[in-house]
Amino acid sequence: MTETAKNRFRLKSFGLHGFILLVTLTVLAGSGFAGDKEAEHANDHHTAHWTYEGDNGPGHWGELSPAFVICKTGRHQSPVDIKESKKADKEIAYKVDYKASPLKIINNGHTIQVNYAPGSTIAINGKTYQLIQFHFHHPSEHTFTGKDYPMELHLVHKNDKGELAVVGVFMSEGKENAAIKTIWDNLPDKVNVEKSVPSVNIDASELLPEMDSLFIYSGSLTTPPCSEDVSWNIVRSHIEVSKAQIDKFTSVVGKNARPVQPLNDRQLQESKKTVTAP
């Protein structure tokens, strides 16, 4: 092979290898960029700071993160104003089987939440949900014919399919509530640090009023990411807490209620009859 022919071969070889190297680097760079973007999106839910007022308040939640967009675009959002409802077409049976749980409590910066031990359930028309936690809002998030209550309790349940059912309980000002006193007496000192009090048990059944009538509708989480398809069950009756207990919560958490959302194409139903079991 002549020297000229050798040089031509070297150039062709370099061109082929250079092209392959360029494509490889481009693909790797693209993959890294896509990976960074995916990681950035995955972290949105954790890094987006939301509040109950100002630029990060409820009116802006849907703009704070792609993970929160349904807060703005969803049509089945919660809470709602409870007013016009129709009687359920058939009896809706509730069976409550709550057991005492060692007190585990956390101030997550948005509410006071009690994390519940496994084994406590509610069955709604035969579908069983586990109680996983309960927490509080001031003032109430749901309203009754346009009026709110000083506080509202949300008992959050999940079934084996990951479906959520929340029981909402209005809390009015009145006499001191013993179960609330137990919780308030053990509030954690630090935010986002769970406080475990194994020597103290809490029984969620002591926070339930007479469940003679409930308002039922399909809604959402009332905090970001505002996920929908949540089964809401709002008890018509209420429980009492003292003014001092309301003031205690307010001094620690402040106001933490999302405004009511449009009902849109949904219809509230009121259960005809409930069944409560120990």
Protein backbone atom coordinates (compact mmCIF):
# COMPACT_ATOMS: atom_id res chain seq x y z
CA MET A 1 0.00 0.00 0.00
CA THR A 2 1.39 3.43 -0.94
CA GLU A 3 1.84 6.17 1.69
CA THR A 4 -1.00 8.15 0.07
CA ALA A 5 -3.34 5.18 0.28
CA LYS A 6 -2.37 4.65 3.94
CA ASN A 7 -3.17 8.28 4.77
CA ARG A 8 -6.58 8.01 3.08
CA PHE A 9 -7.36 4.86 5.08
CA ARG A 10 -6.34 6.59 8.34
CA LEU A 11 -8.64 9.56 7.57
CA LYS A 12 -11.56 7.28 6.72
CA SER A 13 -10.99 5.26 9.91
CA PHE A 14 -10.75 8.43 12.01
CA GLY A 15 -13.92 9.75 10.39
CA LEU A 16 -15.86 6.60 11.20
CA HIS A 17 -14.56 6.34 14.75
CA GLY A 18 -15.00 10.05 15.33
CA PHE A 19 -18.60 9.86 14.14
CA ILE A 20 -19.30 6.93 16.47
CA LEU A 21 -17.66 8.78 19.37
CA LEU A 22 -19.68 11.91 18.65
CA VAL A 23 -22.95 9.97 18.57
CA THR A 24 -22.04 8.13 21.77
CA LEU A 25 -21.24 11.36 23.60
CA THR A 26 -24.44 12.95 22.35
CA VAL A 27 -26.55 10.02 23.54
CA LEU A 28 -24.84 9.97 26.92
CA ALA A 29 -25.23 13.70 27.32
CA GLY A 30 -28.89 13.46 26.39
CA SER A 31 -29.47 10.62 28.79
CA GLY A 32 -27.81 12.56 31.57
CA PHE A 33 -29.91 15.61 30.83
CA ALA A 34 -33.12 13.58 30.74
CA GLY A 35 -32.11 11.87 33.97
CA ASP A 36 -31.47 15.20 35.64
CA LYS A 37 -34.86 16.47 34.50
CA GLU A 38 -36.59 13.33 35.74
CA ALA A 39 -34.85 13.62 39.11
CA GLU A 40 -35.77 17.29 39.28
CA HIS A 41 -39.43 16.45 38.61
CA ALA A 42 -39.35 13.63 41.15
CA ASN A 43 -38.10 16.04 43.79
CA ASP A 44 -40.69 18.73 43.03
CA HIS A 45 -43.19 17.32 45.51
CA HIS A 46 -40.60 17.33 48.27
CA THR A 47 -39.03 20.73 47.59
CA ALA A 48 -42.08 22.83 46.65
CA HIS A 49 -42.92 24.96 49.67
CA TRP A 50 -46.63 25.53 50.18
CA THR A 51 -48.50 27.46 52.83
CA TYR A 52 -52.01 28.63 53.66
CA GLU A 53 -51.45 32.28 52.76
CA GLY A 54 -49.50 34.57 50.46
CA ASP A 55 -47.73 33.63 47.24
CA ASN A 56 -47.54 29.95 48.23
CA GLY A 57 -51.12 29.80 49.50
CA PRO A 58 -54.07 27.73 48.23
CA GLY A 59 -54.72 30.00 45.25
CA HIS A 60 -51.22 29.26 43.96
CA TRP A 61 -50.70 25.60 44.90
CA GLY A 62 -51.27 24.41 41.34
CA GLU A 63 -48.43 26.63 40.11
CA LEU A 64 -45.79 25.60 42.65
CA SER A 65 -44.94 22.21 41.13
CA PRO A 66 -46.01 19.99 38.21
CA ALA A 67 -46.98 17.47 40.90
CA PHE A 68 -49.51 19.96 42.29
CA VAL A 69 -51.21 20.97 39.03
CA ILE A 70 -54.45 19.13 39.85
CA CYS A 71 -54.92 21.58 42.75
CA LYS A 72 -55.69 24.07 39.96
CA THR A 73 -57.18 21.92 37.19
CA GLY A 74 -59.08 19.25 39.16
CA ARG A 75 -62.87 19.29 39.03
CA HIS A 76 -63.48 17.00 42.01
CA GLN A 77 -61.62 18.95 44.68
CA SER A 78 -62.15 19.23 48.43
CA PRO A 79 -63.34 20.70 50.72
CA VAL A 80 -66.88 21.71 49.70
CA ASP A 81 -69.82 23.49 51.26
CA ILE A 82 -72.37 21.00 52.54
CA LYS A 83 -75.84 22.21 51.76
CA GLU A 84 -78.08 20.61 49.17
CA SER A 85 -77.94 16.85 49.26
CA LYS A 86 -80.17 13.96 48.38
CA LYS A 87 -80.87 10.90 50.44
CA ALA A 88 -78.76 7.92 49.43
CA ASP A 89 -80.65 5.50 47.23
CA LYS A 90 -80.00 2.67 49.65
CA GLU A 91 -78.73 2.16 53.17
CA ILE A 92 -75.02 2.81 53.55
CA ALA A 93 -73.58 0.66 56.32
CA TYR A 94 -70.60 1.83 58.34
CA LYS A 95 -68.83 -0.50 60.74
CA VAL A 96 -66.21 1.20 62.88
CA ASP A 97 -63.66 -1.00 64.63
CA TYR A 98 -61.07 1.30 66.19
CA LYS A 99 -58.61 0.05 68.79
CA ALA A 100 -56.38 2.04 71.12
CA SER A 101 -52.97 2.95 69.68
CA PRO A 102 -49.73 4.07 71.34
CA LEU A 103 -49.51 7.81 70.84
CA LYS A 104 -47.25 8.87 67.97
CA ILE A 105 -47.66 12.53 67.16
CA ILE A 106 -46.01 14.94 64.76
CA ASN A 107 -46.23 18.64 63.95
CA ASN A 108 -45.47 18.52 60.22
CA GLY A 109 -45.55 22.28 59.82
CA HIS A 110 -49.08 22.22 58.42
CA THR A 111 -51.07 20.41 61.12
CA ILE A 112 -50.89 18.25 64.22
CA GLN A 113 -51.06 14.63 63.07
CA VAL A 114 -51.42 11.41 65.05
CA ASN A 115 -50.01 8.34 63.28
CA TYR A 116 -52.05 5.27 64.11
CA ALA A 117 -50.93 1.68 64.71
CA PRO A 118 -52.22 -1.00 62.30
CA GLY A 119 -55.36 -2.92 63.17
CA SER A 120 -58.10 -0.26 63.35
CA THR A 121 -60.61 -0.25 60.52
CA ILE A 122 -63.76 1.21 59.09
CA ALA A 123 -65.94 -0.77 56.68
CA ILE A 124 -68.11 1.18 54.26
CA ASN A 125 -70.67 -1.04 52.57
CA GLY A 126 -68.38 -4.00 53.11
CA LYS A 127 -65.19 -2.34 51.81
CA THR A 128 -62.62 -2.25 54.61
CA TYR A 129 -60.13 0.58 55.15
CA GLN A 130 -57.31 0.80 57.70
CA LEU A 131 -57.03 3.93 59.85
CA ILE A 132 -53.52 5.27 59.19
CA GLN A 133 -53.61 8.76 60.75
CA PHE A 134 -55.80 11.62 61.86
CA HIS A 135 -55.15 15.36 61.93
CA PHE A 136 -56.83 18.70 62.50
CA HIS A 137 -57.75 21.95 60.72
CA HIS A 138 -58.64 25.42 61.98
CA PRO A 139 -61.16 26.62 61.02
CA SER A 140 -63.08 23.71 59.54
CA GLU A 141 -62.34 23.10 55.88
CA HIS A 142 -65.82 21.86 54.99
CA THR A 143 -68.58 24.30 55.73
CA PHE A 144 -72.22 23.63 56.54
CA THR A 145 -74.59 25.89 54.57
CA GLY A 146 -71.83 28.45 54.27
CA LYS A 147 -70.76 28.46 57.93
CA ASP A 148 -67.56 26.99 59.30
CA TYR A 149 -66.79 25.39 62.66
CA PRO A 150 -63.80 26.33 64.83
CA MET A 151 -62.03 23.08 63.90
CA GLU A 152 -62.37 19.91 61.85
CA LEU A 153 -60.94 16.43 62.41
CA HIS A 154 -59.92 14.25 59.45
CA LEU A 155 -59.51 10.51 60.03
CA VAL A 156 -57.61 9.13 57.05
CA HIS A 157 -58.05 5.50 55.97
CA LYS A 158 -56.55 3.40 53.18
CA ASN A 159 -57.56 0.00 51.79
CA ASP A 160 -55.48 -2.75 50.20
CA LYS A 161 -55.85 -1.13 46.77
CA GLY A 162 -54.44 2.16 48.02
CA GLU A 163 -57.84 3.88 47.89
CA LEU A 164 -58.47 6.56 50.51
CA ALA A 165 -61.53 7.17 52.64
CA VAL A 166 -61.64 10.14 55.00
CA VAL A 167 -64.12 10.66 57.81
CA GLY A 168 -64.59 14.35 58.59
CA VAL A 169 -65.83 15.46 62.02
CA PHE A 170 -66.82 19.05 62.85
CA MET A 171 -65.52 20.38 66.17
CA SER A 172 -67.55 23.07 67.94
CA GLU A 173 -66.64 25.20 70.96
CA GLY A 174 -67.95 23.79 74.22
CA LYS A 175 -66.64 21.65 77.04
CA GLU A 176 -63.10 20.31 77.26
CA ASN A 177 -62.48 17.14 75.27
CA ALA A 178 -60.53 14.48 77.18
CA ALA A 179 -59.05 12.79 74.11
CA ILE A 180 -57.90 16.12 72.70
CA LYS A 181 -56.38 16.99 76.08
CA THR A 182 -54.27 13.83 75.91
CA ILE A 183 -52.97 14.82 72.48
CA TRP A 184 -52.39 18.48 73.32
CA ASP A 185 -50.55 17.54 76.54
CA ASN A 186 -48.02 15.62 74.45
CA LEU A 187 -47.38 17.99 71.55
CA PRO A 188 -43.84 17.64 70.14
CA ASP A 189 -41.32 20.40 70.73
CA LYS A 190 -39.85 20.25 67.23
CA VAL A 191 -41.42 20.44 63.77
CA ASN A 192 -41.21 17.35 61.52
CA VAL A 193 -39.96 15.12 64.32
CA GLU A 194 -42.38 12.41 65.41
CA LYS A 195 -42.82 12.15 69.15
CA SER A 196 -43.53 8.66 70.43
CA VAL A 197 -45.23 8.31 73.83
CA PRO A 198 -45.51 4.52 74.34
CA SER A 199 -46.91 4.95 77.85
CA VAL A 200 -49.92 6.84 76.48
CA ASN A 201 -52.66 5.27 74.37
CA ILE A 202 -55.14 7.16 72.22
CA ASP A 203 -58.45 5.73 71.05
CA ALA A 204 -59.80 7.37 67.90
CA SER A 205 -63.30 6.11 68.66
CA GLU A 206 -63.40 8.67 71.49
CA LEU A 207 -63.21 11.40 68.83
CA LEU A 208 -66.28 10.21 66.95
CA PRO A 209 -69.74 11.68 67.56
CA GLU A 210 -72.92 9.68 67.06
CA MET A 211 -72.67 8.55 63.43
CA ASP A 212 -76.38 8.70 62.74
CA SER A 213 -76.03 10.57 59.44
CA LEU A 214 -73.15 11.26 57.07
CA PHE A 215 -72.71 13.33 53.92
CA ILE A 216 -70.89 11.42 51.19
CA TYR A 217 -69.13 12.62 48.08
CA SER A 218 -66.06 11.95 45.91
CA GLY A 219 -63.35 14.53 46.39
CA SER A 220 -59.63 15.05 46.89
CA LEU A 221 -56.91 15.58 49.42
CA THR A 222 -57.24 19.09 50.83
CA THR A 223 -53.48 19.64 50.71
CA PRO A 224 -50.98 19.33 47.83
CA PRO A 225 -50.83 17.29 45.65
CA CYS A 226 -54.67 17.47 45.90
CA SER A 227 -55.07 13.93 44.51
CA GLU A 228 -58.66 13.05 43.61
CA ASP A 229 -60.84 9.93 43.98
CA VAL A 230 -60.94 10.27 47.76
CA SER A 231 -64.11 8.97 49.43
CA TRP A 232 -65.33 11.71 51.79
CA ASN A 233 -67.69 10.93 54.66
CA ILE A 234 -68.66 14.00 56.69
CA VAL A 235 -70.51 13.30 59.93
CA ARG A 236 -73.55 15.53 60.48
CA SER A 237 -73.08 15.48 64.28
CA HIS A 238 -70.11 17.19 65.89
CA ILE A 239 -67.86 16.89 68.92
CA GLU A 240 -67.00 19.61 71.42
CA VAL A 241 -63.64 21.11 72.36
CA SER A 242 -63.00 23.96 74.76
CA LYS A 243 -61.98 27.46 73.72
CA ALA A 244 -58.63 26.88 75.42
CA GLN A 245 -58.07 23.77 73.31
CA ILE A 246 -58.92 25.66 70.11
CA ASP A 247 -56.58 28.47 71.15
CA LYS A 248 -53.81 25.96 71.89
CA PHE A 249 -53.99 24.51 68.39
CA THR A 250 -54.11 27.98 66.83
CA SER A 251 -51.05 29.11 68.78
CA VAL A 252 -49.05 26.13 67.50
CA VAL A 253 -50.30 25.74 63.92
CA GLY A 254 -52.34 28.84 63.07
CA LYS A 255 -54.98 28.80 60.34
CA ASN A 256 -54.67 25.78 58.08
CA ALA A 257 -57.88 25.50 56.08
CA ARG A 258 -58.15 25.35 52.31
CA PRO A 259 -61.13 27.38 50.99
CA VAL A 260 -64.17 25.46 49.76
CA GLN A 261 -64.04 24.27 46.16
CA PRO A 262 -66.79 24.17 43.48
CA LEU A 263 -68.99 21.09 43.58
CA ASN A 264 -69.14 21.06 39.75
CA ASP A 265 -70.88 17.92 38.45
CA ARG A 266 -70.89 16.13 41.81
CA GLN A 267 -73.83 15.60 44.09
CA LEU A 268 -73.76 15.21 47.83
CA GLN A 269 -75.59 12.24 49.27
CA GLU A 270 -76.78 11.87 52.84
CA SER A 271 -76.77 8.37 54.22
CA LYS A 272 -80.11 7.02 55.42
CA LYS A 273 -78.71 4.92 58.21
CA THR A 274 -75.37 3.90 59.65
CA VAL A 275 -74.20 1.02 61.73
CA THR A 276 -71.44 1.55 64.28
CA ALA A 277 -69.72 -1.43 65.89
CA PRO A 278 -67.23 -1.47 68.77
